[in-house]
């Protein structure tokens, strides 16, 4: 993806086996394997949410492409 054209955001959804984040979370490798497999079977894109807000559709700002 070329984010230089203004049509995308590049980043990490999570990093593994690192120092705790600002909330104290440390994520183990493979932690998302089951849910990523389920998303793949459904065939829908994984939503990219602003601020983790799942209740307001306006906070769905896109989809994970990779």
PDB file of N, CA and C in Angstrom:
ATOM      1  N   UNK A   1       0.850  -1.181   0.000  1.00  0.00           N
ATOM      2  CA  UNK A   1       0.000   0.000   0.000  1.00  0.00           C
ATOM      3  C   UNK A   1       0.887   1.231   0.000  1.00  0.00           C
ATOM      4  N   UNK A   2       0.526   2.198  -0.804  1.00  0.00           N
ATOM      5  CA  UNK A   2       1.248   3.457  -0.831  1.00  0.00           C
ATOM      6  C   UNK A   2       0.442   4.472  -0.033  1.00  0.00           C
ATOM      7  N   UNK A   3       0.877   4.747   1.183  1.00  0.00           N
ATOM      8  CA  UNK A   3       0.143   5.687   2.029  1.00  0.00           C
ATOM      9  C   UNK A   3       0.422   7.127   1.628  1.00  0.00           C
ATOM     10  N   UNK A   4       1.399   7.350   0.766  1.00  0.00           N
ATOM     11  CA  UNK A   4       1.737   8.700   0.341  1.00  0.00           C
ATOM     12  C   UNK A   4       0.609   9.355  -0.452  1.00  0.00           C
ATOM     13  N   UNK A   5      -0.292   8.557  -1.042  1.00  0.00           N
ATOM     14  CA  UNK A   5      -1.382   9.135  -1.835  1.00  0.00           C
ATOM     15  C   UNK A   5      -2.536   9.624  -0.969  1.00  0.00           C
ATOM     16  N   UNK A   6      -2.431   9.498   0.345  1.00  0.00           N
ATOM     17  CA  UNK A   6      -3.471   9.963   1.251  1.00  0.00           C
ATOM     18  C   UNK A   6      -4.603   8.980   1.452  1.00  0.00           C
ATOM     19  N   UNK A   7      -4.489   7.784   0.896  1.00  0.00           N
ATOM     20  CA  UNK A   7      -5.577   6.834   0.989  1.00  0.00           C
ATOM     21  C   UNK A   7      -5.359   5.722   1.979  1.00  0.00           C
ATOM     22  N   UNK A   8      -4.393   5.850   2.854  1.00  0.00           N
ATOM     23  CA  UNK A   8      -4.163   4.750   3.776  1.00  0.00           C
ATOM     24  C   UNK A   8      -3.399   5.183   5.014  1.00  0.00           C
ATOM     25  N   UNK A   9      -3.357   4.271   5.939  1.00  0.00           N
ATOM     26  CA  UNK A   9      -2.618   4.453   7.183  1.00  0.00           C
ATOM     27  C   UNK A   9      -1.767   3.215   7.358  1.00  0.00           C
ATOM     28  N   UNK A  10      -0.533   3.392   7.741  1.00  0.00           N
ATOM     29  CA  UNK A  10       0.330   2.248   7.975  1.00  0.00           C
ATOM     30  C   UNK A  10       0.698   2.219   9.456  1.00  0.00           C
ATOM     31  N   UNK A  11       0.587   1.046  10.040  1.00  0.00           N
ATOM     32  CA  UNK A  11       0.931   0.915  11.448  1.00  0.00           C
ATOM     33  C   UNK A  11       0.770  -0.513  11.903  1.00  0.00           C
ATOM     34  N   UNK A  12       0.992  -0.716  13.167  1.00  0.00           N
ATOM     35  CA  UNK A  12       0.855  -2.029  13.773  1.00  0.00           C
ATOM     36  C   UNK A  12      -0.394  -2.055  14.631  1.00  0.00           C
ATOM     37  N   UNK A  13      -1.191  -3.102  14.477  1.00  0.00           N
ATOM     38  CA  UNK A  13      -2.345  -3.277  15.358  1.00  0.00           C
ATOM     39  C   UNK A  13      -1.893  -3.699  16.742  1.00  0.00           C
ATOM     40  N   UNK A  14      -0.794  -4.440  16.792  1.00  0.00           N
ATOM     41  CA  UNK A  14      -0.241  -4.898  18.061  1.00  0.00           C
ATOM     42  C   UNK A  14       1.214  -5.287  17.842  1.00  0.00           C
ATOM     43  N   UNK A  15       1.990  -5.161  18.870  1.00  0.00           N
ATOM     44  CA  UNK A  15       3.355  -5.672  18.851  1.00  0.00           C
ATOM     45  C   UNK A  15       3.457  -6.709  19.954  1.00  0.00           C
ATOM     46  N   UNK A  16       4.363  -7.641  19.796  1.00  0.00           N
ATOM     47  CA  UNK A  16       4.397  -8.796  20.683  1.00  0.00           C
ATOM     48  C   UNK A  16       5.657  -8.851  21.531  1.00  0.00           C
ATOM     49  N   UNK A  17       5.512  -9.442  22.721  1.00  0.00           N
ATOM     50  CA  UNK A  17       6.633  -9.690  23.642  1.00  0.00           C
ATOM     51  C   UNK A  17       7.513  -8.463  23.838  1.00  0.00           C
ATOM     52  N   UNK A  18       6.897  -7.349  24.135  1.00  0.00           N
ATOM     53  CA  UNK A  18       7.632  -6.112  24.364  1.00  0.00           C
ATOM     54  C   UNK A  18       7.299  -5.587  25.744  1.00  0.00           C
ATOM     55  N   UNK A  19       7.790  -4.430  26.029  1.00  0.00           N
ATOM     56  CA  UNK A  19       7.432  -3.758  27.277  1.00  0.00           C
ATOM     57  C   UNK A  19       5.927  -3.495  27.272  1.00  0.00           C
ATOM     58  N   UNK A  20       5.314  -3.458  28.446  1.00  0.00           N
ATOM     59  CA  UNK A  20       3.881  -3.152  28.488  1.00  0.00           C
ATOM     60  C   UNK A  20       3.583  -1.804  27.832  1.00  0.00           C
ATOM     61  N   UNK A  21       2.415  -1.726  27.177  1.00  0.00           N
ATOM     62  CA  UNK A  21       2.013  -0.451  26.581  1.00  0.00           C
ATOM     63  C   UNK A  21       1.504   0.484  27.669  1.00  0.00           C
ATOM     64  N   UNK A  22       0.945   1.611  27.273  1.00  0.00           N
ATOM     65  CA  UNK A  22       0.516   2.613  28.260  1.00  0.00           C
ATOM     66  C   UNK A  22      -0.626   2.123  29.150  1.00  0.00           C
ATOM     67  N   UNK A  23      -1.285   1.021  28.751  1.00  0.00           N
ATOM     68  CA  UNK A  23      -2.343   0.431  29.575  1.00  0.00           C
ATOM     69  C   UNK A  23      -1.848  -0.778  30.367  1.00  0.00           C
ATOM     70  N   UNK A  24      -0.556  -1.105  30.208  1.00  0.00           N
ATOM     71  CA  UNK A  24       0.009  -2.242  30.912  1.00  0.00           C
ATOM     72  C   UNK A  24      -0.142  -3.562  30.188  1.00  0.00           C
ATOM     73  N   UNK A  25      -0.618  -3.528  28.943  1.00  0.00           N
ATOM     74  CA  UNK A  25      -0.838  -4.755  28.181  1.00  0.00           C
ATOM     75  C   UNK A  25       0.446  -5.250  27.524  1.00  0.00           C
ATOM     76  N   UNK A  26       0.636  -6.557  27.562  1.00  0.00           N
ATOM     77  CA  UNK A  26       1.693  -7.229  26.814  1.00  0.00           C
ATOM     78  C   UNK A  26       0.997  -8.358  26.063  1.00  0.00           C
ATOM     79  N   UNK A  27       1.178  -8.389  24.746  1.00  0.00           N
ATOM     80  CA  UNK A  27       0.456  -9.352  23.914  1.00  0.00           C
ATOM     81  C   UNK A  27       1.394 -10.473  23.500  1.00  0.00           C
ATOM     82  N   UNK A  28       0.949 -11.708  23.690  1.00  0.00           N
ATOM     83  CA  UNK A  28       1.745 -12.885  23.338  1.00  0.00           C
ATOM     84  C   UNK A  28       1.602 -13.186  21.848  1.00  0.00           C
ATOM     85  N   UNK A  29       2.679 -13.650  21.207  1.00  0.00           N
ATOM     86  CA  UNK A  29       2.569 -14.076  19.807  1.00  0.00           C
ATOM     87  C   UNK A  29       1.465 -15.132  19.657  1.00  0.00           C
ATOM     88  N   UNK A  30       0.672 -15.010  18.608  1.00  0.00           N
ATOM     89  CA  UNK A  30      -0.417 -15.957  18.376  1.00  0.00           C
ATOM     90  C   UNK A  30      -1.714 -15.595  19.071  1.00  0.00           C
ATOM     91  N   UNK A  31      -1.715 -14.510  19.819  1.00  0.00           N
ATOM     92  CA  UNK A  31      -2.902 -14.142  20.592  1.00  0.00           C
ATOM     93  C   UNK A  31      -4.132 -13.904  19.711  1.00  0.00           C
ATOM     94  N   UNK A  32      -3.931 -13.514  18.469  1.00  0.00           N
ATOM     95  CA  UNK A  32      -5.047 -13.209  17.583  1.00  0.00           C
ATOM     96  C   UNK A  32      -5.307 -14.293  16.545  1.00  0.00           C
ATOM     97  N   UNK A  33      -4.613 -15.399  16.616  1.00  0.00           N
ATOM     98  CA  UNK A  33      -4.693 -16.432  15.576  1.00  0.00           C
ATOM     99  C   UNK A  33      -6.124 -16.922  15.356  1.00  0.00           C
ATOM    100  N   UNK A  34      -6.839 -17.245  16.410  1.00  0.00           N
ATOM    101  CA  UNK A  34      -8.200 -17.768  16.261  1.00  0.00           C
ATOM    102  C   UNK A  34      -9.149 -16.737  15.669  1.00  0.00           C
ATOM    103  N   UNK A  35      -9.089 -15.502  16.155  1.00  0.00           N
ATOM    104  CA  UNK A  35     -10.009 -14.490  15.645  1.00  0.00           C
ATOM    105  C   UNK A  35      -9.657 -14.102  14.207  1.00  0.00           C
ATOM    106  N   UNK A  36      -8.379 -14.072  13.848  1.00  0.00           N
ATOM    107  CA  UNK A  36      -8.009 -13.786  12.460  1.00  0.00           C
ATOM    108  C   UNK A  36      -8.478 -14.904  11.533  1.00  0.00           C
ATOM    109  N   UNK A  37      -8.423 -16.123  11.999  1.00  0.00           N
ATOM    110  CA  UNK A  37      -8.927 -17.244  11.203  1.00  0.00           C
ATOM    111  C   UNK A  37     -10.437 -17.116  10.991  1.00  0.00           C
ATOM    112  N   UNK A  38     -11.167 -16.742  12.045  1.00  0.00           N
ATOM    113  CA  UNK A  38     -12.621 -16.560  11.922  1.00  0.00           C
ATOM    114  C   UNK A  38     -12.949 -15.434  10.939  1.00  0.00           C
ATOM    115  N   UNK A  39     -12.232 -14.305  11.024  1.00  0.00           N
ATOM    116  CA  UNK A  39     -12.461 -13.205  10.085  1.00  0.00           C
ATOM    117  C   UNK A  39     -12.221 -13.681   8.658  1.00  0.00           C
ATOM    118  N   UNK A  40     -11.179 -14.456   8.450  1.00  0.00           N
ATOM    119  CA  UNK A  40     -10.866 -14.964   7.118  1.00  0.00           C
ATOM    120  C   UNK A  40     -11.979 -15.830   6.556  1.00  0.00           C
ATOM    121  N   UNK A  41     -12.580 -16.644   7.391  1.00  0.00           N
ATOM    122  CA  UNK A  41     -13.662 -17.523   6.940  1.00  0.00           C
ATOM    123  C   UNK A  41     -14.926 -16.737   6.604  1.00  0.00           C
ATOM    124  N   UNK A  42     -15.176 -15.672   7.335  1.00  0.00           N
ATOM    125  CA  UNK A  42     -16.370 -14.846   7.093  1.00  0.00           C
ATOM    126  C   UNK A  42     -16.228 -14.091   5.772  1.00  0.00           C
ATOM    127  N   UNK A  43     -14.999 -13.713   5.443  1.00  0.00           N
ATOM    128  CA  UNK A  43     -14.761 -13.017   4.187  1.00  0.00           C
ATOM    129  C   UNK A  43     -14.984 -11.524   4.233  1.00  0.00           C
ATOM    130  N   UNK A  44     -15.276 -10.984   5.390  1.00  0.00           N
ATOM    131  CA  UNK A  44     -15.452  -9.540   5.532  1.00  0.00           C
ATOM    132  C   UNK A  44     -14.127  -8.921   5.971  1.00  0.00           C
ATOM    133  N   UNK A  45     -13.893  -7.660   5.610  1.00  0.00           N
ATOM    134  CA  UNK A  45     -12.658  -7.013   6.056  1.00  0.00           C
ATOM    135  C   UNK A  45     -12.703  -6.727   7.561  1.00  0.00           C
ATOM    136  N   UNK A  46     -11.538  -6.762   8.175  1.00  0.00           N
ATOM    137  CA  UNK A  46     -11.425  -6.419   9.597  1.00  0.00           C
ATOM    138  C   UNK A  46     -11.561  -4.906   9.709  1.00  0.00           C
ATOM    139  N   UNK A  47     -12.499  -4.404  10.516  1.00  0.00           N
ATOM    140  CA  UNK A  47     -12.690  -2.963  10.595  1.00  0.00           C
ATOM    141  C   UNK A  47     -11.511  -2.269  11.285  1.00  0.00           C
ATOM    142  N   UNK A  48     -11.231  -1.071  10.815  1.00  0.00           N
ATOM    143  CA  UNK A  48     -10.230  -0.212  11.438  1.00  0.00           C
ATOM    144  C   UNK A  48     -11.008   0.832  12.229  1.00  0.00           C
ATOM    145  N   UNK A  49     -10.960   0.723  13.526  1.00  0.00           N
ATOM    146  CA  UNK A  49     -11.766   1.588  14.385  1.00  0.00           C
ATOM    147  C   UNK A  49     -10.922   2.701  14.979  1.00  0.00           C
ATOM    148  N   UNK A  50     -11.487   3.882  15.033  1.00  0.00           N
ATOM    149  CA  UNK A  50     -10.845   5.008  15.698  1.00  0.00           C
ATOM    150  C   UNK A  50     -11.171   4.926  17.178  1.00  0.00           C
ATOM    151  N   UNK A  51     -10.174   4.825  18.012  1.00  0.00           N
ATOM    152  CA  UNK A  51     -10.388   4.830  19.449  1.00  0.00           C
ATOM    153  C   UNK A  51     -11.085   3.606  20.004  1.00  0.00           C
ATOM    154  N   UNK A  52     -11.077   2.496  19.295  1.00  0.00           N
ATOM    155  CA  UNK A  52     -11.670   1.239  19.765  1.00  0.00           C
ATOM    156  C   UNK A  52     -13.174   1.339  19.999  1.00  0.00           C
ATOM    157  N   UNK A  53     -13.818   2.339  19.442  1.00  0.00           N
ATOM    158  CA  UNK A  53     -15.247   2.529  19.656  1.00  0.00           C
ATOM    159  C   UNK A  53     -16.035   1.642  18.703  1.00  0.00           C
ATOM    160  N   UNK A  54     -16.606   0.563  19.226  1.00  0.00           N
ATOM    161  CA  UNK A  54     -17.382  -0.361  18.388  1.00  0.00           C
ATOM    162  C   UNK A  54     -18.863  -0.002  18.336  1.00  0.00           C
ATOM    163  N   UNK A  55     -19.306   0.945  19.140  1.00  0.00           N
ATOM    164  CA  UNK A  55     -20.724   1.279  19.233  1.00  0.00           C
ATOM    165  C   UNK A  55     -21.171   2.327  18.219  1.00  0.00           C
ATOM    166  N   UNK A  56     -20.268   3.159  17.757  1.00  0.00           N
ATOM    167  CA  UNK A  56     -20.611   4.251  16.857  1.00  0.00           C
ATOM    168  C   UNK A  56     -20.057   3.950  15.463  1.00  0.00           C
ATOM    169  N   UNK A  57     -20.922   3.747  14.469  1.00  0.00           N
ATOM    170  CA  UNK A  57     -20.435   3.396  13.130  1.00  0.00           C
ATOM    171  C   UNK A  57     -19.510   4.452  12.516  1.00  0.00           C
ATOM    172  N   UNK A  58     -19.616   5.696  12.972  1.00  0.00           N
ATOM    173  CA  UNK A  58     -18.740   6.747  12.444  1.00  0.00           C
ATOM    174  C   UNK A  58     -17.291   6.536  12.858  1.00  0.00           C
ATOM    175  N   UNK A  59     -17.050   5.683  13.854  1.00  0.00           N
ATOM    176  CA  UNK A  59     -15.687   5.412  14.307  1.00  0.00           C
ATOM    177  C   UNK A  59     -15.037   4.317  13.479  1.00  0.00           C
ATOM    178  N   UNK A  60     -15.776   3.687  12.577  1.00  0.00           N
ATOM    179  CA  UNK A  60     -15.197   2.724  11.642  1.00  0.00           C
ATOM    180  C   UNK A  60     -14.622   3.539  10.489  1.00  0.00           C
ATOM    181  N   UNK A  61     -13.293   3.729  10.504  1.00  0.00           N
ATOM    182  CA  UNK A  61     -12.671   4.633   9.543  1.00  0.00           C
ATOM    183  C   UNK A  61     -12.026   3.911   8.361  1.00  0.00           C
ATOM    184  N   UNK A  62     -12.220   2.607   8.279  1.00  0.00           N
ATOM    185  CA  UNK A  62     -11.651   1.872   7.169  1.00  0.00           C
ATOM    186  C   UNK A  62     -11.590   0.391   7.470  1.00  0.00           C
ATOM    187  N   UNK A  63     -10.674  -0.287   6.766  1.00  0.00           N
ATOM    188  CA  UNK A  63     -10.529  -1.723   6.934  1.00  0.00           C
ATOM    189  C   UNK A  63      -9.052  -2.101   6.843  1.00  0.00           C
ATOM    190  N   UNK A  64      -8.714  -3.157   7.542  1.00  0.00           N
ATOM    191  CA  UNK A  64      -7.349  -3.697   7.483  1.00  0.00           C
ATOM    192  C   UNK A  64      -7.181  -4.364   6.131  1.00  0.00           C
ATOM    193  N   UNK A  65      -6.087  -4.049   5.433  1.00  0.00           N
ATOM    194  CA  UNK A  65      -5.872  -4.623   4.113  1.00  0.00           C
ATOM    195  C   UNK A  65      -4.774  -5.672   4.106  1.00  0.00           C
ATOM    196  N   UNK A  66      -3.966  -5.696   5.139  1.00  0.00           N
ATOM    197  CA  UNK A  66      -2.838  -6.634   5.158  1.00  0.00           C
ATOM    198  C   UNK A  66      -2.470  -6.987   6.589  1.00  0.00           C
TER     199      UNK A  66
END
